[in-house]
Amino acid sequence: MLQPKKTKWRRSHLVRPKNQASRGNTVAFGAYGLCATEGGYITNRQIEAARVVLSRYTKKTGKLYIRVFPYLGITKKPLQVRMGNGKGQVETWAAVIEKGMVMFEIAGISDEDAKHALHQAGYKLSVKSRVIKKGEVLR
């Protein structure tokens, strides 16, 4: 699973993704990309599940680019613990996704296979997404 090697602080504040992405909103490396149509969080497990689906389609000829990284620690308190007594321990890691951000890119395979693979990977994520071509920007 993806997680940072080192963080400056043990626990972080939650970031509220509400803006349109101003960076990372175009397909830069591959031919097709999976673009978020809403803001939210995706966990390291969701990123891994989408990577497994995409790697199944790329095989040896294609190239896969993961453009997101889970840097935000999500904390949770244990079960049956009373209120107060500080913040809980980091339970999982998540990536903050803004509307219009390109999360995954794919290259080196046919157009139909690339579209189908990215569409299938979108089902594994907790944010709505759509497949875009190189040169397109989600408005």
N, C-alpha and C. Protein backbone atom coordinates (compact mmCIF):
# COMPACT_ATOMS: atom_id res chain seq x y z
N MET A 1 0.83 -1.18 0.00
CA MET A 1 0.00 0.00 0.00
C MET A 1 0.88 1.25 0.00
N LEU A 2 0.37 2.26 -0.63
CA LEU A 2 1.09 3.53 -0.67
C LEU A 2 0.92 4.29 0.64
N GLN A 3 2.01 4.84 1.13
CA GLN A 3 1.97 5.74 2.28
C GLN A 3 3.28 6.49 2.33
N PRO A 4 3.30 7.68 2.93
CA PRO A 4 4.54 8.46 2.97
C PRO A 4 5.59 7.78 3.84
N LYS A 5 6.86 7.93 3.45
CA LYS A 5 7.95 7.40 4.26
C LYS A 5 8.10 8.19 5.54
N LYS A 6 7.93 9.50 5.43
CA LYS A 6 8.13 10.37 6.58
C LYS A 6 7.18 11.57 6.44
N THR A 7 6.63 12.01 7.55
CA THR A 7 5.78 13.20 7.54
C THR A 7 6.32 14.19 8.56
N LYS A 8 6.02 15.45 8.34
CA LYS A 8 6.49 16.48 9.26
C LYS A 8 5.74 16.41 10.59
N TRP A 9 4.43 16.11 10.51
CA TRP A 9 3.62 16.01 11.72
C TRP A 9 2.94 14.64 11.74
N ARG A 10 2.69 14.13 12.96
CA ARG A 10 2.07 12.81 13.08
C ARG A 10 0.64 12.78 12.59
N ARG A 11 -0.12 13.85 12.92
CA ARG A 11 -1.53 13.90 12.52
C ARG A 11 -1.79 15.22 11.83
N SER A 12 -2.58 15.17 10.77
CA SER A 12 -2.83 16.39 10.01
C SER A 12 -4.30 16.77 10.07
N HIS A 13 -4.58 18.03 9.76
CA HIS A 13 -5.95 18.48 9.64
C HIS A 13 -6.53 17.98 8.33
N LEU A 14 -7.84 17.79 8.28
CA LEU A 14 -8.49 17.37 7.04
C LEU A 14 -8.54 18.54 6.07
N VAL A 15 -8.30 18.27 4.82
CA VAL A 15 -8.38 19.27 3.76
C VAL A 15 -9.73 19.10 3.09
N ARG A 16 -10.45 20.20 2.90
CA ARG A 16 -11.76 20.14 2.25
C ARG A 16 -11.61 20.44 0.77
N PRO A 17 -11.69 19.45 -0.11
CA PRO A 17 -11.52 19.69 -1.54
C PRO A 17 -12.77 20.28 -2.17
N LYS A 18 -12.76 21.58 -2.45
CA LYS A 18 -13.95 22.19 -3.04
C LYS A 18 -13.66 22.97 -4.31
N ASN A 19 -12.40 23.18 -4.63
CA ASN A 19 -12.05 23.99 -5.79
C ASN A 19 -11.85 23.15 -7.04
N GLN A 20 -11.83 23.84 -8.16
CA GLN A 20 -11.45 23.23 -9.45
C GLN A 20 -9.92 23.12 -9.46
N ALA A 21 -9.39 22.02 -9.94
CA ALA A 21 -7.94 21.83 -9.97
C ALA A 21 -7.32 22.78 -10.98
N SER A 22 -6.31 23.52 -10.54
CA SER A 22 -5.60 24.42 -11.45
C SER A 22 -4.32 23.77 -11.97
N ARG A 23 -3.84 22.75 -11.27
CA ARG A 23 -2.67 22.00 -11.72
C ARG A 23 -3.06 20.53 -11.82
N GLY A 24 -2.39 19.79 -12.67
CA GLY A 24 -2.68 18.37 -12.81
C GLY A 24 -4.02 18.09 -13.45
N ASN A 25 -4.50 19.02 -14.28
CA ASN A 25 -5.83 18.84 -14.88
C ASN A 25 -5.77 18.52 -16.36
N THR A 26 -4.60 18.19 -16.88
CA THR A 26 -4.46 17.77 -18.27
C THR A 26 -3.72 16.44 -18.32
N VAL A 27 -3.92 15.71 -19.41
CA VAL A 27 -3.18 14.46 -19.61
C VAL A 27 -1.79 14.83 -20.09
N ALA A 28 -0.78 14.54 -19.28
CA ALA A 28 0.58 14.99 -19.56
C ALA A 28 1.48 13.88 -20.10
N PHE A 29 1.30 12.63 -19.67
CA PHE A 29 2.25 11.58 -20.00
C PHE A 29 1.69 10.54 -20.96
N GLY A 30 0.44 10.14 -20.77
CA GLY A 30 -0.14 9.08 -21.58
C GLY A 30 -1.01 9.62 -22.70
N ALA A 31 -1.80 8.73 -23.29
CA ALA A 31 -2.72 9.10 -24.36
C ALA A 31 -4.12 9.37 -23.82
N TYR A 32 -4.53 8.63 -22.77
CA TYR A 32 -5.83 8.81 -22.13
C TYR A 32 -5.63 8.92 -20.63
N GLY A 33 -6.56 9.61 -19.97
CA GLY A 33 -6.47 9.77 -18.53
C GLY A 33 -7.83 9.63 -17.87
N LEU A 34 -7.81 9.35 -16.57
CA LEU A 34 -9.03 9.27 -15.77
C LEU A 34 -9.11 10.54 -14.94
N CYS A 35 -10.13 11.35 -15.22
CA CYS A 35 -10.27 12.68 -14.64
C CYS A 35 -11.44 12.68 -13.65
N ALA A 36 -11.24 13.30 -12.47
CA ALA A 36 -12.28 13.38 -11.46
C ALA A 36 -13.29 14.46 -11.83
N THR A 37 -14.57 14.14 -11.74
CA THR A 37 -15.61 15.13 -12.02
C THR A 37 -16.19 15.73 -10.75
N GLU A 38 -15.65 15.33 -9.59
CA GLU A 38 -16.04 15.91 -8.31
C GLU A 38 -14.86 15.80 -7.35
N GLY A 39 -14.90 16.58 -6.30
CA GLY A 39 -13.84 16.53 -5.31
C GLY A 39 -14.11 15.48 -4.25
N GLY A 40 -13.07 15.05 -3.57
CA GLY A 40 -13.22 14.06 -2.51
C GLY A 40 -11.88 13.47 -2.12
N TYR A 41 -11.93 12.31 -1.49
CA TYR A 41 -10.74 11.59 -1.07
C TYR A 41 -10.73 10.22 -1.73
N ILE A 42 -9.54 9.72 -2.06
CA ILE A 42 -9.41 8.31 -2.41
C ILE A 42 -8.30 7.73 -1.54
N THR A 43 -8.56 6.56 -0.99
CA THR A 43 -7.63 5.95 -0.05
C THR A 43 -6.54 5.20 -0.80
N ASN A 44 -5.52 4.80 -0.05
CA ASN A 44 -4.43 4.04 -0.65
C ASN A 44 -4.91 2.68 -1.16
N ARG A 45 -5.92 2.12 -0.54
CA ARG A 45 -6.47 0.84 -1.00
C ARG A 45 -7.21 1.00 -2.33
N GLN A 46 -7.91 2.11 -2.49
CA GLN A 46 -8.61 2.36 -3.74
C GLN A 46 -7.62 2.59 -4.88
N ILE A 47 -6.54 3.31 -4.60
CA ILE A 47 -5.51 3.53 -5.62
C ILE A 47 -4.89 2.20 -6.04
N GLU A 48 -4.63 1.35 -5.08
CA GLU A 48 -4.05 0.04 -5.38
C GLU A 48 -5.01 -0.83 -6.19
N ALA A 49 -6.31 -0.80 -5.86
CA ALA A 49 -7.30 -1.59 -6.59
C ALA A 49 -7.39 -1.10 -8.05
N ALA A 50 -7.36 0.22 -8.25
CA ALA A 50 -7.40 0.76 -9.61
C ALA A 50 -6.12 0.41 -10.36
N ARG A 51 -4.98 0.42 -9.68
CA ARG A 51 -3.71 0.06 -10.32
C ARG A 51 -3.73 -1.39 -10.79
N VAL A 52 -4.30 -2.29 -10.00
CA VAL A 52 -4.38 -3.70 -10.37
C VAL A 52 -5.23 -3.87 -11.62
N VAL A 53 -6.37 -3.17 -11.68
CA VAL A 53 -7.24 -3.25 -12.85
C VAL A 53 -6.51 -2.74 -14.09
N LEU A 54 -5.83 -1.60 -13.97
CA LEU A 54 -5.15 -1.01 -15.13
C LEU A 54 -3.96 -1.86 -15.57
N SER A 55 -3.23 -2.44 -14.63
CA SER A 55 -2.08 -3.26 -15.01
C SER A 55 -2.51 -4.54 -15.71
N ARG A 56 -3.73 -4.98 -15.46
CA ARG A 56 -4.26 -6.15 -16.15
C ARG A 56 -4.43 -5.86 -17.64
N TYR A 57 -4.77 -4.63 -18.00
CA TYR A 57 -4.98 -4.26 -19.40
C TYR A 57 -3.68 -3.84 -20.09
N THR A 58 -2.74 -3.27 -19.37
CA THR A 58 -1.51 -2.77 -20.01
C THR A 58 -0.57 -3.91 -20.39
N LYS A 59 -0.56 -4.96 -19.60
CA LYS A 59 0.33 -6.10 -19.82
C LYS A 59 1.77 -5.63 -19.99
N LYS A 60 2.49 -6.09 -21.02
CA LYS A 60 3.90 -5.69 -21.18
C LYS A 60 4.08 -4.54 -22.15
N THR A 61 3.08 -4.28 -22.97
CA THR A 61 3.25 -3.26 -24.00
C THR A 61 2.90 -1.86 -23.51
N GLY A 62 1.96 -1.75 -22.61
CA GLY A 62 1.47 -0.44 -22.20
C GLY A 62 2.25 0.15 -21.03
N LYS A 63 1.99 1.42 -20.78
CA LYS A 63 2.62 2.14 -19.68
C LYS A 63 1.53 2.79 -18.85
N LEU A 64 1.65 2.69 -17.53
CA LEU A 64 0.66 3.22 -16.60
C LEU A 64 1.31 4.32 -15.77
N TYR A 65 0.60 5.44 -15.62
CA TYR A 65 1.08 6.56 -14.82
C TYR A 65 0.07 6.84 -13.72
N ILE A 66 0.53 6.83 -12.47
CA ILE A 66 -0.31 7.16 -11.33
C ILE A 66 0.05 8.58 -10.91
N ARG A 67 -0.90 9.50 -11.00
CA ARG A 67 -0.63 10.92 -10.78
C ARG A 67 -1.04 11.41 -9.39
N VAL A 68 -1.53 10.52 -8.53
CA VAL A 68 -1.94 10.91 -7.18
C VAL A 68 -1.15 10.11 -6.16
N PHE A 69 -0.99 10.69 -4.95
CA PHE A 69 -0.30 10.01 -3.87
C PHE A 69 -1.03 10.28 -2.56
N PRO A 70 -1.25 9.25 -1.75
CA PRO A 70 -1.98 9.43 -0.48
C PRO A 70 -1.08 10.00 0.61
N TYR A 71 -1.08 11.31 0.76
CA TYR A 71 -0.23 11.98 1.75
C TYR A 71 -0.98 12.40 3.00
N LEU A 72 -2.31 12.31 3.00
CA LEU A 72 -3.12 12.80 4.11
C LEU A 72 -3.48 11.64 5.04
N GLY A 73 -3.04 11.72 6.27
CA GLY A 73 -3.36 10.68 7.25
C GLY A 73 -4.78 10.85 7.78
N ILE A 74 -5.58 9.79 7.71
CA ILE A 74 -6.94 9.80 8.22
C ILE A 74 -6.94 9.10 9.57
N THR A 75 -7.36 9.80 10.61
CA THR A 75 -7.30 9.25 11.96
C THR A 75 -8.66 8.68 12.37
N LYS A 76 -8.61 7.78 13.33
CA LYS A 76 -9.83 7.17 13.86
C LYS A 76 -9.55 6.76 15.31
N LYS A 77 -10.54 6.99 16.15
CA LYS A 77 -10.41 6.57 17.54
C LYS A 77 -10.87 5.12 17.66
N PRO A 78 -10.32 4.38 18.61
CA PRO A 78 -10.74 2.99 18.78
C PRO A 78 -12.21 2.88 19.20
N LEU A 79 -12.76 1.69 19.06
CA LEU A 79 -14.13 1.45 19.46
C LEU A 79 -14.27 1.57 20.98
N GLN A 80 -15.43 2.03 21.43
CA GLN A 80 -15.80 2.13 22.83
C GLN A 80 -14.82 2.97 23.64
N VAL A 81 -14.42 4.11 23.05
CA VAL A 81 -13.58 5.07 23.74
C VAL A 81 -14.40 6.34 23.92
N ARG A 82 -14.35 6.91 25.10
CA ARG A 82 -15.16 8.10 25.38
C ARG A 82 -14.64 9.31 24.63
N MET A 83 -15.53 10.32 24.54
CA MET A 83 -15.17 11.55 23.84
C MET A 83 -14.06 12.27 24.58
N GLY A 84 -13.30 13.07 23.83
CA GLY A 84 -12.19 13.81 24.43
C GLY A 84 -10.90 13.01 24.33
N ASN A 85 -9.94 13.35 25.16
CA ASN A 85 -8.64 12.66 25.24
C ASN A 85 -7.86 12.72 23.93
N GLY A 86 -8.01 13.78 23.16
CA GLY A 86 -7.17 13.99 21.99
C GLY A 86 -7.65 13.29 20.73
N LYS A 87 -6.81 13.41 19.72
CA LYS A 87 -7.12 12.88 18.40
C LYS A 87 -6.66 11.43 18.32
N GLY A 88 -7.35 10.62 17.52
CA GLY A 88 -7.01 9.21 17.39
C GLY A 88 -5.75 8.96 16.57
N GLN A 89 -5.39 7.72 16.45
CA GLN A 89 -4.21 7.33 15.68
C GLN A 89 -4.53 7.32 14.19
N VAL A 90 -3.47 7.43 13.36
CA VAL A 90 -3.65 7.40 11.90
C VAL A 90 -4.06 5.98 11.50
N GLU A 91 -5.23 5.90 10.88
CA GLU A 91 -5.80 4.60 10.49
C GLU A 91 -5.45 4.25 9.05
N THR A 92 -5.53 5.22 8.15
CA THR A 92 -5.26 4.99 6.73
C THR A 92 -4.74 6.28 6.11
N TRP A 93 -4.32 6.19 4.87
CA TRP A 93 -3.80 7.35 4.14
C TRP A 93 -4.70 7.61 2.94
N ALA A 94 -4.88 8.89 2.61
CA ALA A 94 -5.78 9.26 1.52
C ALA A 94 -5.15 10.36 0.68
N ALA A 95 -5.56 10.41 -0.59
CA ALA A 95 -5.16 11.49 -1.50
C ALA A 95 -6.34 12.44 -1.64
N VAL A 96 -6.06 13.73 -1.60
CA VAL A 96 -7.09 14.74 -1.77
C VAL A 96 -7.27 14.97 -3.26
N ILE A 97 -8.51 14.83 -3.75
CA ILE A 97 -8.82 14.94 -5.17
C ILE A 97 -9.69 16.17 -5.39
N GLU A 98 -9.24 17.07 -6.25
CA GLU A 98 -10.04 18.23 -6.63
C GLU A 98 -10.75 17.93 -7.95
N LYS A 99 -11.82 18.66 -8.21
CA LYS A 99 -12.57 18.48 -9.45
C LYS A 99 -11.66 18.83 -10.63
N GLY A 100 -11.61 17.94 -11.61
CA GLY A 100 -10.80 18.16 -12.80
C GLY A 100 -9.41 17.57 -12.74
N MET A 101 -9.03 16.96 -11.63
CA MET A 101 -7.69 16.41 -11.50
C MET A 101 -7.58 15.08 -12.25
N VAL A 102 -6.48 14.89 -12.98
CA VAL A 102 -6.21 13.64 -13.68
C VAL A 102 -5.50 12.71 -12.71
N MET A 103 -6.11 11.55 -12.43
CA MET A 103 -5.60 10.64 -11.42
C MET A 103 -4.72 9.54 -12.00
N PHE A 104 -5.12 8.99 -13.14
CA PHE A 104 -4.38 7.91 -13.78
C PHE A 104 -4.25 8.22 -15.26
N GLU A 105 -3.13 7.80 -15.87
CA GLU A 105 -2.95 7.92 -17.31
C GLU A 105 -2.44 6.60 -17.85
N ILE A 106 -2.72 6.36 -19.12
CA ILE A 106 -2.35 5.10 -19.74
C ILE A 106 -1.88 5.37 -21.16
N ALA A 107 -0.88 4.63 -21.60
CA ALA A 107 -0.32 4.80 -22.95
C ALA A 107 0.16 3.45 -23.46
N GLY A 108 0.32 3.36 -24.77
CA GLY A 108 0.92 2.17 -25.37
C GLY A 108 -0.04 1.04 -25.67
N ILE A 109 -1.34 1.23 -25.51
CA ILE A 109 -2.32 0.21 -25.89
C ILE A 109 -3.37 0.86 -26.79
N SER A 110 -4.22 0.04 -27.37
CA SER A 110 -5.21 0.56 -28.31
C SER A 110 -6.19 1.50 -27.60
N ASP A 111 -6.82 2.37 -28.39
CA ASP A 111 -7.72 3.37 -27.83
C ASP A 111 -8.90 2.74 -27.10
N GLU A 112 -9.50 1.71 -27.71
CA GLU A 112 -10.65 1.06 -27.09
C GLU A 112 -10.27 0.40 -25.76
N ASP A 113 -9.12 -0.28 -25.75
CA ASP A 113 -8.66 -0.93 -24.52
C ASP A 113 -8.35 0.09 -23.44
N ALA A 114 -7.74 1.20 -23.82
CA ALA A 114 -7.40 2.24 -22.85
C ALA A 114 -8.65 2.84 -22.23
N LYS A 115 -9.64 3.15 -23.07
CA LYS A 115 -10.89 3.72 -22.56
C LYS A 115 -11.59 2.73 -21.63
N HIS A 116 -11.65 1.47 -22.04
CA HIS A 116 -12.32 0.45 -21.24
C HIS A 116 -11.60 0.24 -19.91
N ALA A 117 -10.27 0.19 -19.94
CA ALA A 117 -9.49 -0.03 -18.71
C ALA A 117 -9.70 1.11 -17.72
N LEU A 118 -9.63 2.35 -18.20
CA LEU A 118 -9.82 3.49 -17.31
C LEU A 118 -11.24 3.55 -16.78
N HIS A 119 -12.20 3.18 -17.61
CA HIS A 119 -13.60 3.16 -17.18
C HIS A 119 -13.78 2.13 -16.06
N GLN A 120 -13.16 0.97 -16.20
CA GLN A 120 -13.25 -0.07 -15.17
C GLN A 120 -12.55 0.37 -13.89
N ALA A 121 -11.42 1.07 -14.03
CA ALA A 121 -10.68 1.54 -12.84
C ALA A 121 -11.49 2.59 -12.10
N GLY A 122 -12.31 3.35 -12.81
CA GLY A 122 -13.14 4.37 -12.17
C GLY A 122 -14.15 3.79 -11.20
N TYR A 123 -14.57 2.55 -11.44
CA TYR A 123 -15.50 1.90 -10.52
C TYR A 123 -14.88 1.62 -9.16
N LYS A 124 -13.57 1.55 -9.07
CA LYS A 124 -12.89 1.23 -7.82
C LYS A 124 -12.71 2.46 -6.93
N LEU A 125 -12.96 3.65 -7.46
CA LEU A 125 -12.70 4.88 -6.73
C LEU A 125 -13.98 5.44 -6.12
N SER A 126 -13.83 6.25 -5.07
CA SER A 126 -14.98 6.81 -4.37
C SER A 126 -15.39 8.18 -4.91
N VAL A 127 -14.72 8.66 -5.95
CA VAL A 127 -15.12 9.91 -6.60
C VAL A 127 -15.60 9.60 -8.01
N LYS A 128 -16.54 10.41 -8.51
CA LYS A 128 -17.01 10.22 -9.87
C LYS A 128 -15.92 10.65 -10.83
N SER A 129 -15.80 9.94 -11.95
CA SER A 129 -14.71 10.24 -12.88
C SER A 129 -15.16 9.97 -14.30
N ARG A 130 -14.34 10.46 -15.25
CA ARG A 130 -14.60 10.17 -16.65
C ARG A 130 -13.28 10.12 -17.40
N VAL A 131 -13.29 9.43 -18.53
CA VAL A 131 -12.09 9.24 -19.33
C VAL A 131 -11.94 10.43 -20.28
N ILE A 132 -10.73 11.01 -20.31
CA ILE A 132 -10.46 12.11 -21.24
C ILE A 132 -9.23 11.77 -22.08
N LYS A 133 -9.15 12.39 -23.23
CA LYS A 133 -8.07 12.19 -24.18
C LYS A 133 -7.01 13.26 -23.98
N LYS A 134 -5.81 13.01 -24.47
CA LYS A 134 -4.74 14.00 -24.37
C LYS A 134 -5.16 15.29 -25.10
N GLY A 135 -4.98 16.41 -24.46
CA GLY A 135 -5.39 17.70 -25.01
C GLY A 135 -6.71 18.21 -24.48
N GLU A 136 -7.52 17.32 -23.88
CA GLU A 136 -8.80 17.74 -23.30
C GLU A 136 -8.60 18.23 -21.87
N VAL A 137 -9.49 19.13 -21.46
CA VAL A 137 -9.52 19.60 -20.07
C VAL A 137 -10.97 19.56 -19.63
N LEU A 138 -11.23 19.03 -18.43
CA LEU A 138 -12.58 18.98 -17.89
C LEU A 138 -13.00 20.38 -17.47
N ARG A 139 -14.11 20.86 -17.94
CA ARG A 139 -14.60 22.19 -17.57
C ARG A 139 -15.74 22.09 -16.60
